[in-house]
Amino acid sequence: IMLMAFAAGLFAFTSTSCSSDDDGGGSSSDCITCSMDFEGNEFETEYCDNGDGTATVTVTSGGQSVSQEQDIPEDFTFEDYVDSQEQSGADCN
């Protein structure tokens, strides 16, 4: 239940796009993993650039995963998108 609540909040927070066109030109193999501590629970989030202005976001905690495709905001590259997650407190590699 905690994972689902956190994932819903994460998806709501990161879904602020107006367009599905980024100029990043990425591929499905472009993935970055971030970790974040939320109320004492460690969450790992993988962001994968789909190369079409969207990213597949997978949140994992306690062996459970939830995935969702999200639009990358207009005028953002995939790297900008991940940087915005780091600015929100995530530790990405």
Protein backbone atom coordinates (compact mmCIF):
# COMPACT_ATOMS: atom_id res chain seq x y z
CA ILE A 1 0.00 0.00 0.00
CA MET A 2 2.84 2.40 0.85
CA LEU A 3 4.48 1.72 -2.53
CA MET A 4 1.24 2.40 -4.37
CA ALA A 5 0.68 5.67 -2.50
CA PHE A 6 4.25 6.82 -3.11
CA ALA A 7 4.15 5.79 -6.77
CA ALA A 8 0.86 7.63 -7.30
CA GLY A 9 2.37 10.76 -5.79
CA LEU A 10 5.55 10.40 -7.84
CA PHE A 11 3.62 9.92 -11.06
CA ALA A 12 1.41 12.92 -10.30
CA PHE A 13 4.49 15.03 -9.52
CA THR A 14 6.38 14.09 -12.69
CA SER A 15 3.42 14.27 -15.08
CA THR A 16 3.60 17.93 -16.01
CA SER A 17 4.16 17.70 -19.73
CA CYS A 18 2.48 19.60 -22.52
CA SER A 19 4.09 17.78 -25.42
CA SER A 20 5.48 14.42 -26.40
CA ASP A 21 8.38 15.85 -28.41
CA ASP A 22 11.81 16.02 -26.89
CA ASP A 23 14.95 16.47 -28.90
CA GLY A 24 16.96 14.01 -26.84
CA GLY A 25 16.94 11.28 -29.47
CA GLY A 26 17.41 8.62 -26.81
CA SER A 27 16.79 4.93 -27.08
CA SER A 28 15.10 2.36 -24.89
CA SER A 29 18.51 1.42 -23.46
CA ASP A 30 18.99 4.89 -21.92
CA CYS A 31 18.03 4.23 -18.28
CA ILE A 32 19.02 5.97 -15.05
CA THR A 33 18.32 4.62 -11.58
CA CYS A 34 17.55 6.93 -8.66
CA SER A 35 16.95 6.22 -5.01
CA MET A 36 14.99 8.21 -2.49
CA ASP A 37 14.07 7.82 1.15
CA PHE A 38 10.41 8.63 1.84
CA GLU A 39 9.17 8.48 5.44
CA GLY A 40 11.85 5.92 6.32
CA ASN A 41 11.22 3.71 3.29
CA GLU A 42 13.81 3.36 0.53
CA PHE A 43 12.46 3.56 -3.01
CA GLU A 44 14.39 2.85 -6.20
CA THR A 45 13.13 4.47 -9.38
CA GLU A 46 14.32 3.64 -12.87
CA TYR A 47 13.79 6.23 -15.62
CA CYS A 48 14.14 4.88 -19.17
CA ASP A 49 14.14 7.20 -22.18
CA ASN A 50 11.79 5.77 -24.81
CA GLY A 51 13.24 8.11 -27.46
CA ASP A 52 9.83 9.51 -28.40
CA GLY A 53 9.38 12.24 -25.78
CA THR A 54 8.30 9.79 -23.11
CA ALA A 55 10.03 7.92 -20.30
CA THR A 56 9.06 4.67 -18.64
CA VAL A 57 9.21 5.18 -14.87
CA THR A 58 9.44 2.10 -12.63
CA VAL A 59 9.24 2.50 -8.83
CA THR A 60 10.44 -0.45 -6.73
CA SER A 61 10.24 -0.98 -2.98
CA GLY A 62 10.09 -4.11 -0.88
CA GLY A 63 10.26 -6.33 -3.95
CA GLN A 64 7.20 -4.72 -5.57
CA SER A 65 7.35 -2.62 -8.73
CA VAL A 66 4.94 -0.25 -10.43
CA SER A 67 5.63 1.12 -13.95
CA GLN A 68 4.08 3.94 -15.93
CA GLU A 69 4.93 5.77 -19.14
CA GLN A 70 5.20 9.54 -18.69
CA ASP A 71 5.61 12.46 -21.06
CA ILE A 72 8.89 14.35 -20.77
CA PRO A 73 7.96 18.04 -20.37
CA GLU A 74 8.20 20.24 -23.45
CA ASP A 75 11.66 21.81 -23.93
CA PHE A 76 13.24 19.18 -21.63
CA THR A 77 15.76 16.56 -22.67
CA PHE A 78 15.75 13.20 -20.90
CA GLU A 79 18.76 14.40 -18.90
CA ASP A 80 16.87 17.57 -17.85
CA TYR A 81 13.98 15.34 -16.78
CA VAL A 82 16.24 13.21 -14.55
CA ASP A 83 18.00 16.32 -13.21
CA SER A 84 14.61 17.60 -12.06
CA GLN A 85 14.16 14.41 -10.05
CA GLU A 86 17.57 14.96 -8.41
CA GLN A 87 16.54 18.50 -7.50
CA SER A 88 13.53 16.95 -5.76
CA GLY A 89 15.80 14.91 -3.49
CA ALA A 90 16.53 11.76 -5.49
CA ASP A 91 20.09 10.34 -5.63
CA CYS A 92 20.67 9.26 -9.25
CA ASN A 93 23.51 7.40 -10.94
